[in-house]
Amino acid sequence: TSDAGSDFKQLGRLDPATGSFTPVSREA
């Protein structure tokens, strides 16, 4: 879970090579 790119924490995938976070949840 991360707040990368959002004010709230979402569940998503973290790329170990690039560090990019891709949210999967779309919660408010």
mmCIF file of all heavy atoms, coordinates in Angstrom:
data_MODEL
# 
_entry.id   MODEL 
# 
loop_
_atom_site.group_PDB 
_atom_site.id 
_atom_site.type_symbol 
_atom_site.label_atom_id 
_atom_site.label_alt_id 
_atom_site.label_comp_id 
_atom_site.label_asym_id 
_atom_site.label_entity_id 
_atom_site.label_seq_id 
_atom_site.pdbx_PDB_ins_code 
_atom_site.Cartn_x 
_atom_site.Cartn_y 
_atom_site.Cartn_z 
_atom_site.occupancy 
_atom_site.B_iso_or_equiv 
_atom_site.pdbx_formal_charge 
_atom_site.auth_seq_id 
_atom_site.auth_comp_id 
_atom_site.auth_asym_id 
_atom_site.auth_atom_id 
_atom_site.pdbx_PDB_model_num 
ATOM 1   N N   . THR A 1 1  ? 0.868   -1.180 0.000   1.00 0.00 ? 1  THR A N   1 
ATOM 2   C CA  . THR A 1 1  ? 0.000   0.000  0.000   1.00 0.00 ? 1  THR A CA  1 
ATOM 3   C C   . THR A 1 1  ? 0.904   1.228  0.000   1.00 0.00 ? 1  THR A C   1 
ATOM 4   O O   . THR A 1 1  ? 1.946   1.248  0.662   1.00 0.00 ? 1  THR A O   1 
ATOM 5   C CB  . THR A 1 1  ? -0.952  0.045  1.203   1.00 0.00 ? 1  THR A CB  1 
ATOM 6   O OG1 . THR A 1 1  ? -0.200  0.144  2.419   1.00 0.00 ? 1  THR A OG1 1 
ATOM 7   C CG2 . THR A 1 1  ? -1.828  -1.189 1.238   1.00 0.00 ? 1  THR A CG2 1 
ATOM 8   N N   . SER A 1 2  ? 0.503   2.258  -0.749  1.00 0.00 ? 2  SER A N   1 
ATOM 9   C CA  . SER A 1 2  ? 1.326   3.451  -0.866  1.00 0.00 ? 2  SER A CA  1 
ATOM 10  C C   . SER A 1 2  ? 0.478   4.662  -1.213  1.00 0.00 ? 2  SER A C   1 
ATOM 11  O O   . SER A 1 2  ? -0.586  4.537  -1.842  1.00 0.00 ? 2  SER A O   1 
ATOM 12  C CB  . SER A 1 2  ? 2.397   3.255  -1.948  1.00 0.00 ? 2  SER A CB  1 
ATOM 13  O OG  . SER A 1 2  ? 3.179   4.429  -2.099  1.00 0.00 ? 2  SER A OG  1 
ATOM 14  N N   . ASP A 1 3  ? 0.963   5.832  -0.791  1.00 0.00 ? 3  ASP A N   1 
ATOM 15  C CA  . ASP A 1 3  ? 0.307   7.088  -1.166  1.00 0.00 ? 3  ASP A CA  1 
ATOM 16  C C   . ASP A 1 3  ? 1.025   7.768  -2.338  1.00 0.00 ? 3  ASP A C   1 
ATOM 17  O O   . ASP A 1 3  ? 0.789   8.947  -2.605  1.00 0.00 ? 3  ASP A O   1 
ATOM 18  C CB  . ASP A 1 3  ? 0.212   8.027  0.036   1.00 0.00 ? 3  ASP A CB  1 
ATOM 19  C CG  . ASP A 1 3  ? 1.575   8.419  0.607   1.00 0.00 ? 3  ASP A CG  1 
ATOM 20  O OD1 . ASP A 1 3  ? 2.607   8.134  -0.037  1.00 0.00 ? 3  ASP A OD1 1 
ATOM 21  O OD2 . ASP A 1 3  ? 1.615   9.001  1.706   1.00 0.00 ? 3  ASP A OD2 1 
ATOM 22  N N   . ALA A 1 4  ? 1.873   7.012  -3.048  1.00 0.00 ? 4  ALA A N   1 
ATOM 23  C CA  . ALA A 1 4  ? 2.552   7.575  -4.218  1.00 0.00 ? 4  ALA A CA  1 
ATOM 24  C C   . ALA A 1 4  ? 1.519   8.053  -5.236  1.00 0.00 ? 4  ALA A C   1 
ATOM 25  O O   . ALA A 1 4  ? 0.675   7.290  -5.687  1.00 0.00 ? 4  ALA A O   1 
ATOM 26  C CB  . ALA A 1 4  ? 3.466   6.525  -4.849  1.00 0.00 ? 4  ALA A CB  1 
ATOM 27  N N   . GLY A 1 5  ? 1.560   9.331  -5.548  1.00 0.00 ? 5  GLY A N   1 
ATOM 28  C CA  . GLY A 1 5  ? 0.635   9.892  -6.526  1.00 0.00 ? 5  GLY A CA  1 
ATOM 29  C C   . GLY A 1 5  ? -0.772  10.089 -6.028  1.00 0.00 ? 5  GLY A C   1 
ATOM 30  O O   . GLY A 1 5  ? -1.680  10.367 -6.812  1.00 0.00 ? 5  GLY A O   1 
ATOM 31  N N   . SER A 1 6  ? -1.003  9.962  -4.723  1.00 0.00 ? 6  SER A N   1 
ATOM 32  C CA  . SER A 1 6  ? -2.360  10.074 -4.179  1.00 0.00 ? 6  SER A CA  1 
ATOM 33  C C   . SER A 1 6  ? -2.291  10.635 -2.768  1.00 0.00 ? 6  SER A C   1 
ATOM 34  O O   . SER A 1 6  ? -1.263  10.536 -2.092  1.00 0.00 ? 6  SER A O   1 
ATOM 35  C CB  . SER A 1 6  ? -3.029  8.696  -4.158  1.00 0.00 ? 6  SER A CB  1 
ATOM 36  O OG  . SER A 1 6  ? -4.249  8.725  -3.442  1.00 0.00 ? 6  SER A OG  1 
ATOM 37  N N   . ASP A 1 7  ? -3.384  11.232 -2.320  1.00 0.00 ? 7  ASP A N   1 
ATOM 38  C CA  . ASP A 1 7  ? -3.426  11.713 -0.942  1.00 0.00 ? 7  ASP A CA  1 
ATOM 39  C C   . ASP A 1 7  ? -3.739  10.578 0.020   1.00 0.00 ? 7  ASP A C   1 
ATOM 40  O O   . ASP A 1 7  ? -3.489  10.688 1.225   1.00 0.00 ? 7  ASP A O   1 
ATOM 41  C CB  . ASP A 1 7  ? -4.466  12.824 -0.799  1.00 0.00 ? 7  ASP A CB  1 
ATOM 42  C CG  . ASP A 1 7  ? -4.183  13.735 0.392   1.00 0.00 ? 7  ASP A CG  1 
ATOM 43  O OD1 . ASP A 1 7  ? -2.997  14.061 0.620   1.00 0.00 ? 7  ASP A OD1 1 
ATOM 44  O OD2 . ASP A 1 7  ? -5.135  14.097 1.105   1.00 0.00 ? 7  ASP A OD2 1 
ATOM 45  N N   . PHE A 1 8  ? -4.295  9.475  -0.511  1.00 0.00 ? 8  PHE A N   1 
ATOM 46  C CA  . PHE A 1 8  ? -4.645  8.323  0.318   1.00 0.00 ? 8  PHE A CA  1 
ATOM 47  C C   . PHE A 1 8  ? -3.890  7.093  -0.159  1.00 0.00 ? 8  PHE A C   1 
ATOM 48  O O   . PHE A 1 8  ? -3.527  6.980  -1.331  1.00 0.00 ? 8  PHE A O   1 
ATOM 49  C CB  . PHE A 1 8  ? -6.159  8.065  0.270   1.00 0.00 ? 8  PHE A CB  1 
ATOM 50  C CG  . PHE A 1 8  ? -6.968  9.098  0.991   1.00 0.00 ? 8  PHE A CG  1 
ATOM 51  C CD1 . PHE A 1 8  ? -7.408  10.244 0.341   1.00 0.00 ? 8  PHE A CD1 1 
ATOM 52  C CD2 . PHE A 1 8  ? -7.288  8.943  2.333   1.00 0.00 ? 8  PHE A CD2 1 
ATOM 53  C CE1 . PHE A 1 8  ? -8.149  11.207 1.007   1.00 0.00 ? 8  PHE A CE1 1 
ATOM 54  C CE2 . PHE A 1 8  ? -8.022  9.897  3.014   1.00 0.00 ? 8  PHE A CE2 1 
ATOM 55  C CZ  . PHE A 1 8  ? -8.457  11.035 2.349   1.00 0.00 ? 8  PHE A CZ  1 
ATOM 56  N N   . LYS A 1 9  ? -3.671  6.153  0.744   1.00 0.00 ? 9  LYS A N   1 
ATOM 57  C CA  . LYS A 1 9  ? -2.954  4.932  0.411   1.00 0.00 ? 9  LYS A CA  1 
ATOM 58  C C   . LYS A 1 9  ? -3.825  3.995  -0.417  1.00 0.00 ? 9  LYS A C   1 
ATOM 59  O O   . LYS A 1 9  ? -4.972  3.719  -0.056  1.00 0.00 ? 9  LYS A O   1 
ATOM 60  C CB  . LYS A 1 9  ? -2.503  4.207  1.686   1.00 0.00 ? 9  LYS A CB  1 
ATOM 61  C CG  . LYS A 1 9  ? -1.333  4.848  2.381   1.00 0.00 ? 9  LYS A CG  1 
ATOM 62  C CD  . LYS A 1 9  ? -0.846  3.964  3.518   1.00 0.00 ? 9  LYS A CD  1 
ATOM 63  C CE  . LYS A 1 9  ? 0.395   4.538  4.171   1.00 0.00 ? 9  LYS A CE  1 
ATOM 64  N NZ  . LYS A 1 9  ? 0.905   3.661  5.254   1.00 0.00 ? 9  LYS A NZ  1 
ATOM 65  N N   . GLN A 1 10 ? -3.257  3.511  -1.512  1.00 0.00 ? 10 GLN A N   1 
ATOM 66  C CA  . GLN A 1 10 ? -3.916  2.533  -2.360  1.00 0.00 ? 10 GLN A CA  1 
ATOM 67  C C   . GLN A 1 10 ? -3.123  1.226  -2.341  1.00 0.00 ? 10 GLN A C   1 
ATOM 68  O O   . GLN A 1 10 ? -1.936  1.203  -2.007  1.00 0.00 ? 10 GLN A O   1 
ATOM 69  C CB  . GLN A 1 10 ? -4.026  3.054  -3.793  1.00 0.00 ? 10 GLN A CB  1 
ATOM 70  C CG  . GLN A 1 10 ? -4.808  4.344  -3.943  1.00 0.00 ? 10 GLN A CG  1 
ATOM 71  C CD  . GLN A 1 10 ? -6.279  4.189  -3.588  1.00 0.00 ? 10 GLN A CD  1 
ATOM 72  O OE1 . GLN A 1 10 ? -6.838  3.101  -3.674  1.00 0.00 ? 10 GLN A OE1 1 
ATOM 73  N NE2 . GLN A 1 10 ? -6.914  5.282  -3.195  1.00 0.00 ? 10 GLN A NE2 1 
ATOM 74  N N   . LEU A 1 11 ? -3.776  0.159  -2.707  1.00 0.00 ? 11 LEU A N   1 
ATOM 75  C CA  . LEU A 1 11 ? -3.118  -1.125 -2.883  1.00 0.00 ? 11 LEU A CA  1 
ATOM 76  C C   . LEU A 1 11 ? -2.627  -1.230 -4.317  1.00 0.00 ? 11 LEU A C   1 
ATOM 77  O O   . LEU A 1 11 ? -3.362  -0.899 -5.259  1.00 0.00 ? 11 LEU A O   1 
ATOM 78  C CB  . LEU A 1 11 ? -4.101  -2.260 -2.592  1.00 0.00 ? 11 LEU A CB  1 
ATOM 79  C CG  . LEU A 1 11 ? -3.627  -3.682 -2.913  1.00 0.00 ? 11 LEU A CG  1 
ATOM 80  C CD1 . LEU A 1 11 ? -2.519  -4.108 -1.961  1.00 0.00 ? 11 LEU A CD1 1 
ATOM 81  C CD2 . LEU A 1 11 ? -4.798  -4.655 -2.857  1.00 0.00 ? 11 LEU A CD2 1 
ATOM 82  N N   . GLY A 1 12 ? -1.390  -1.684 -4.480  1.00 0.00 ? 12 GLY A N   1 
ATOM 83  C CA  . GLY A 1 12 ? -0.885  -1.801 -5.838  1.00 0.00 ? 12 GLY A CA  1 
ATOM 84  C C   . GLY A 1 12 ? 0.405   -2.588 -5.919  1.00 0.00 ? 12 GLY A C   1 
ATOM 85  O O   . GLY A 1 12 ? 0.898   -3.143 -4.930  1.00 0.00 ? 12 GLY A O   1 
ATOM 86  N N   . ARG A 1 13 ? 0.964   -2.627 -7.122  1.00 0.00 ? 13 ARG A N   1 
ATOM 87  C CA  . ARG A 1 13 ? 2.208   -3.350 -7.395  1.00 0.00 ? 13 ARG A CA  1 
ATOM 88  C C   . ARG A 1 13 ? 3.386   -2.378 -7.375  1.00 0.00 ? 13 ARG A C   1 
ATOM 89  O O   . ARG A 1 13 ? 3.291   -1.258 -7.879  1.00 0.00 ? 13 ARG A O   1 
ATOM 90  C CB  . ARG A 1 13 ? 2.136   -4.045 -8.758  1.00 0.00 ? 13 ARG A CB  1 
ATOM 91  C CG  . ARG A 1 13 ? 1.035   -5.090 -8.881  1.00 0.00 ? 13 ARG A CG  1 
ATOM 92  C CD  . ARG A 1 13 ? 1.034   -5.686 -10.285 1.00 0.00 ? 13 ARG A CD  1 
ATOM 93  N NE  . ARG A 1 13 ? 0.021   -6.728 -10.456 1.00 0.00 ? 13 ARG A NE  1 
ATOM 94  C CZ  . ARG A 1 13 ? -1.225  -6.511 -10.872 1.00 0.00 ? 13 ARG A CZ  1 
ATOM 95  N NH1 . ARG A 1 13 ? -1.603  -5.258 -11.171 1.00 0.00 ? 13 ARG A NH1 1 
ATOM 96  N NH2 . ARG A 1 13 ? -2.074  -7.507 -11.001 1.00 0.00 ? 13 ARG A NH2 1 
ATOM 97  N N   . LEU A 1 14 ? 4.500   -2.848 -6.825  1.00 0.00 ? 14 LEU A N   1 
ATOM 98  C CA  . LEU A 1 14 ? 5.726   -2.062 -6.784  1.00 0.00 ? 14 LEU A CA  1 
ATOM 99  C C   . LEU A 1 14 ? 6.769   -2.756 -7.646  1.00 0.00 ? 14 LEU A C   1 
ATOM 100 O O   . LEU A 1 14 ? 7.109   -3.924 -7.410  1.00 0.00 ? 14 LEU A O   1 
ATOM 101 C CB  . LEU A 1 14 ? 6.224   -1.941 -5.341  1.00 0.00 ? 14 LEU A CB  1 
ATOM 102 C CG  . LEU A 1 14 ? 7.484   -1.102 -5.117  1.00 0.00 ? 14 LEU A CG  1 
ATOM 103 C CD1 . LEU A 1 14 ? 7.253   0.356  -5.498  1.00 0.00 ? 14 LEU A CD1 1 
ATOM 104 C CD2 . LEU A 1 14 ? 7.939   -1.210 -3.662  1.00 0.00 ? 14 LEU A CD2 1 
ATOM 105 N N   . ASP A 1 15 ? 7.267   -2.055 -8.646  1.00 0.00 ? 15 ASP A N   1 
ATOM 106 C CA  . ASP A 1 15 ? 8.271   -2.617 -9.548  1.00 0.00 ? 15 ASP A CA  1 
ATOM 107 C C   . ASP A 1 15 ? 9.638   -2.545 -8.874  1.00 0.00 ? 15 ASP A C   1 
ATOM 108 O O   . ASP A 1 15 ? 10.149  -1.445 -8.615  1.00 0.00 ? 15 ASP A O   1 
ATOM 109 C CB  . ASP A 1 15 ? 8.291   -1.827 -10.859 1.00 0.00 ? 15 ASP A CB  1 
ATOM 110 C CG  . ASP A 1 15 ? 9.182   -2.452 -11.920 1.00 0.00 ? 15 ASP A CG  1 
ATOM 111 O OD1 . ASP A 1 15 ? 10.223  -3.036 -11.548 1.00 0.00 ? 15 ASP A OD1 1 
ATOM 112 O OD2 . ASP A 1 15 ? 8.860   -2.348 -13.119 1.00 0.00 ? 15 ASP A OD2 1 
ATOM 113 N N   . PRO A 1 16 ? 10.268  -3.695 -8.578  1.00 0.00 ? 16 PRO A N   1 
ATOM 114 C CA  . PRO A 1 16 ? 11.552  -3.659 -7.865  1.00 0.00 ? 16 PRO A CA  1 
ATOM 115 C C   . PRO A 1 16 ? 12.686  -3.092 -8.694  1.00 0.00 ? 16 PRO A C   1 
ATOM 116 O O   . PRO A 1 16 ? 13.715  -2.687 -8.139  1.00 0.00 ? 16 PRO A O   1 
ATOM 117 C CB  . PRO A 1 16 ? 11.796  -5.135 -7.521  1.00 0.00 ? 16 PRO A CB  1 
ATOM 118 C CG  . PRO A 1 16 ? 11.026  -5.899 -8.543  1.00 0.00 ? 16 PRO A CG  1 
ATOM 119 C CD  . PRO A 1 16 ? 9.820   -5.066 -8.860  1.00 0.00 ? 16 PRO A CD  1 
ATOM 120 N N   . ALA A 1 17 ? 12.533  -3.051 -10.000 1.00 0.00 ? 17 ALA A N   1 
ATOM 121 C CA  . ALA A 1 17 ? 13.595  -2.534 -10.865 1.00 0.00 ? 17 ALA A CA  1 
ATOM 122 C C   . ALA A 1 17 ? 13.538  -1.019 -10.992 1.00 0.00 ? 17 ALA A C   1 
ATOM 123 O O   . ALA A 1 17 ? 14.561  -0.329 -10.920 1.00 0.00 ? 17 ALA A O   1 
ATOM 124 C CB  . ALA A 1 17 ? 13.504  -3.177 -12.243 1.00 0.00 ? 17 ALA A CB  1 
ATOM 125 N N   . THR A 1 18 ? 12.334  -0.479 -11.169 1.00 0.00 ? 18 THR A N   1 
ATOM 126 C CA  . THR A 1 18 ? 12.191  0.960  -11.409 1.00 0.00 ? 18 THR A CA  1 
ATOM 127 C C   . THR A 1 18 ? 11.695  1.728  -10.191 1.00 0.00 ? 18 THR A C   1 
ATOM 128 O O   . THR A 1 18 ? 11.812  2.953  -10.138 1.00 0.00 ? 18 THR A O   1 
ATOM 129 C CB  . THR A 1 18 ? 11.214  1.209  -12.568 1.00 0.00 ? 18 THR A CB  1 
ATOM 130 O OG1 . THR A 1 18 ? 9.896   0.779  -12.174 1.00 0.00 ? 18 THR A OG1 1 
ATOM 131 C CG2 . THR A 1 18 ? 11.645  0.444  -13.811 1.00 0.00 ? 18 THR A CG2 1 
ATOM 132 N N   . GLY A 1 19 ? 11.078  1.012  -9.243  1.00 0.00 ? 19 GLY A N   1 
ATOM 133 C CA  . GLY A 1 19 ? 10.489  1.681  -8.089  1.00 0.00 ? 19 GLY A CA  1 
ATOM 134 C C   . GLY A 1 19 ? 9.141   2.304  -8.380  1.00 0.00 ? 19 GLY A C   1 
ATOM 135 O O   . GLY A 1 19 ? 8.567   2.970  -7.510  1.00 0.00 ? 19 GLY A O   1 
ATOM 136 N N   . SER A 1 20 ? 8.607   2.092  -9.565  1.00 0.00 ? 20 SER A N   1 
ATOM 137 C CA  . SER A 1 20 ? 7.304   2.675  -9.890  1.00 0.00 ? 20 SER A CA  1 
ATOM 138 C C   . SER A 1 20 ? 6.190   1.899  -9.194  1.00 0.00 ? 20 SER A C   1 
ATOM 139 O O   . SER A 1 20 ? 6.234   0.672  -9.078  1.00 0.00 ? 20 SER A O   1 
ATOM 140 C CB  . SER A 1 20 ? 7.076   2.671  -11.397 1.00 0.00 ? 20 SER A CB  1 
ATOM 141 O OG  . SER A 1 20 ? 7.050   1.359  -11.900 1.00 0.00 ? 20 SER A OG  1 
ATOM 142 N N   . PHE A 1 21 ? 5.211   2.630  -8.726  1.00 0.00 ? 21 PHE A N   1 
ATOM 143 C CA  . PHE A 1 21 ? 4.064   2.055  -8.031  1.00 0.00 ? 21 PHE A CA  1 
ATOM 144 C C   . PHE A 1 21 ? 2.844   2.155  -8.929  1.00 0.00 ? 21 PHE A C   1 
ATOM 145 O O   . PHE A 1 21 ? 2.506   3.240  -9.417  1.00 0.00 ? 21 PHE A O   1 
ATOM 146 C CB  . PHE A 1 21 ? 3.807   2.786  -6.713  1.00 0.00 ? 21 PHE A CB  1 
ATOM 147 C CG  . PHE A 1 21 ? 2.548   2.354  -5.995  1.00 0.00 ? 21 PHE A CG  1 
ATOM 148 C CD1 . PHE A 1 21 ? 2.475   1.118  -5.376  1.00 0.00 ? 21 PHE A CD1 1 
ATOM 149 C CD2 . PHE A 1 21 ? 1.438   3.189  -5.945  1.00 0.00 ? 21 PHE A CD2 1 
ATOM 150 C CE1 . PHE A 1 21 ? 1.321   0.715  -4.720  1.00 0.00 ? 21 PHE A CE1 1 
ATOM 151 C CE2 . PHE A 1 21 ? 0.285   2.800  -5.290  1.00 0.00 ? 21 PHE A CE2 1 
ATOM 152 C CZ  . PHE A 1 21 ? 0.221   1.560  -4.677  1.00 0.00 ? 21 PHE A CZ  1 
ATOM 153 N N   . THR A 1 22 ? 2.183   1.016  -9.155  1.00 0.00 ? 22 THR A N   1 
ATOM 154 C CA  . THR A 1 22 ? 0.982   0.986  -9.982  1.00 0.00 ? 22 THR A CA  1 
ATOM 155 C C   . THR A 1 22 ? -0.206  0.638  -9.111  1.00 0.00 ? 22 THR A C   1 
ATOM 156 O O   . THR A 1 22 ? -0.359  -0.521 -8.683  1.00 0.00 ? 22 THR A O   1 
ATOM 157 C CB  . THR A 1 22 ? 1.105   -0.052 -11.109 1.00 0.00 ? 22 THR A CB  1 
ATOM 158 O OG1 . THR A 1 22 ? 2.269   0.232  -11.882 1.00 0.00 ? 22 THR A OG1 1 
ATOM 159 C CG2 . THR A 1 22 ? -0.122  -0.018 -12.002 1.00 0.00 ? 22 THR A CG2 1 
ATOM 160 N N   . PRO A 1 23 ? -1.058  1.612  -8.786  1.00 0.00 ? 23 PRO A N   1 
ATOM 161 C CA  . PRO A 1 23 ? -2.202  1.294  -7.923  1.00 0.00 ? 23 PRO A CA  1 
ATOM 162 C C   . PRO A 1 23 ? -3.194  0.388  -8.623  1.00 0.00 ? 23 PRO A C   1 
ATOM 163 O O   . PRO A 1 23 ? -3.422  0.500  -9.829  1.00 0.00 ? 23 PRO A O   1 
ATOM 164 C CB  . PRO A 1 23 ? -2.809  2.666  -7.626  1.00 0.00 ? 23 PRO A CB  1 
ATOM 165 C CG  . PRO A 1 23 ? -2.362  3.545  -8.750  1.00 0.00 ? 23 PRO A CG  1 
ATOM 166 C CD  . PRO A 1 23 ? -1.030  3.031  -9.178  1.00 0.00 ? 23 PRO A CD  1 
ATOM 167 N N   . VAL A 1 24 ? -3.769  -0.507 -7.864  1.00 0.00 ? 24 VAL A N   1 
ATOM 168 C CA  . VAL A 1 24 ? -4.811  -1.401 -8.368  1.00 0.00 ? 24 VAL A CA  1 
ATOM 169 C C   . VAL A 1 24 ? -6.158  -1.028 -7.761  1.00 0.00 ? 24 VAL A C   1 
ATOM 170 O O   . VAL A 1 24 ? -7.180  -1.053 -8.432  1.00 0.00 ? 24 VAL A O   1 
ATOM 171 C CB  . VAL A 1 24 ? -4.456  -2.870 -8.067  1.00 0.00 ? 24 VAL A CB  1 
ATOM 172 C CG1 . VAL A 1 24 ? -5.610  -3.797 -8.436  1.00 0.00 ? 24 VAL A CG1 1 
ATOM 173 C CG2 . VAL A 1 24 ? -3.198  -3.274 -8.829  1.00 0.00 ? 24 VAL A CG2 1 
ATOM 174 N N   . SER A 1 25 ? -6.158  -0.683 -6.486  1.00 0.00 ? 25 SER A N   1 
ATOM 175 C CA  . SER A 1 25 ? -7.404  -0.238 -5.864  1.00 0.00 ? 25 SER A CA  1 
ATOM 176 C C   . SER A 1 25 ? -7.707  1.188  -6.299  1.00 0.00 ? 25 SER A C   1 
ATOM 177 O O   . SER A 1 25 ? -6.814  1.946  -6.691  1.00 0.00 ? 25 SER A O   1 
ATOM 178 C CB  . SER A 1 25 ? -7.306  -0.313 -4.338  1.00 0.00 ? 25 SER A CB  1 
ATOM 179 O OG  . SER A 1 25 ? -6.348  0.605  -3.850  1.00 0.00 ? 25 SER A OG  1 
ATOM 180 N N   . ARG A 1 26 ? -8.976  1.561  -6.205  1.00 0.00 ? 26 ARG A N   1 
ATOM 181 C CA  . ARG A 1 26 ? -9.417  2.919  -6.534  1.00 0.00 ? 26 ARG A CA  1 
ATOM 182 C C   . ARG A 1 26 ? -10.334 3.404  -5.417  1.00 0.00 ? 26 ARG A C   1 
ATOM 183 O O   . ARG A 1 26 ? -11.496 3.731  -5.628  1.00 0.00 ? 26 ARG A O   1 
ATOM 184 C CB  . ARG A 1 26 ? -10.154 2.939  -7.885  1.00 0.00 ? 26 ARG A CB  1 
ATOM 185 C CG  . ARG A 1 26 ? -9.283  2.599  -9.089  1.00 0.00 ? 26 ARG A CG  1 
ATOM 186 C CD  . ARG A 1 26 ? -8.279  3.693  -9.403  1.00 0.00 ? 26 ARG A CD  1 
ATOM 187 N NE  . ARG A 1 26 ? -7.557  3.448  -10.660 1.00 0.00 ? 26 ARG A NE  1 
ATOM 188 C CZ  . ARG A 1 26 ? -6.446  2.756  -10.756 1.00 0.00 ? 26 ARG A CZ  1 
ATOM 189 N NH1 . ARG A 1 26 ? -5.937  2.193  -9.669  1.00 0.00 ? 26 ARG A NH1 1 
ATOM 190 N NH2 . ARG A 1 26 ? -5.845  2.578  -11.921 1.00 0.00 ? 26 ARG A NH2 1 
ATOM 191 N N   . GLU A 1 27 ? -9.808  3.428  -4.219  1.00 0.00 ? 27 GLU A N   1 
ATOM 192 C CA  . GLU A 1 27 ? -10.603 3.777  -3.053  1.00 0.00 ? 27 GLU A CA  1 
ATOM 193 C C   . GLU A 1 27 ? -10.494 5.268  -2.746  1.00 0.00 ? 27 GLU A C   1 
ATOM 194 O O   . GLU A 1 27 ? -9.491  5.908  -3.047  1.00 0.00 ? 27 GLU A O   1 
ATOM 195 C CB  . GLU A 1 27 ? -10.154 2.958  -1.836  1.00 0.00 ? 27 GLU A CB  1 
ATOM 196 C CG  . GLU A 1 27 ? -10.167 1.446  -2.042  1.00 0.00 ? 27 GLU A CG  1 
ATOM 197 C CD  . GLU A 1 27 ? -11.568 0.870  -2.189  1.00 0.00 ? 27 GLU A CD  1 
ATOM 198 O OE1 . GLU A 1 27 ? -12.537 1.566  -1.830  1.00 0.00 ? 27 GLU A OE1 1 
ATOM 199 O OE2 . GLU A 1 27 ? -11.701 -0.279 -2.657  1.00 0.00 ? 27 GLU A OE2 1 
ATOM 200 N N   . ALA A 1 28 ? -11.523 5.795  -2.115  1.00 0.00 ? 28 ALA A N   1 
ATOM 201 C CA  . ALA A 1 28 ? -11.529 7.203  -1.734  1.00 0.00 ? 28 ALA A CA  1 
ATOM 202 C C   . ALA A 1 28 ? -10.914 7.429  -0.355  1.00 0.00 ? 28 ALA A C   1 
ATOM 203 O O   . ALA A 1 28 ? -10.775 8.569  0.084   1.00 0.00 ? 28 ALA A O   1 
ATOM 204 C CB  . ALA A 1 28 ? -12.962 7.739  -1.747  1.00 0.00 ? 28 ALA A CB  1 
# 
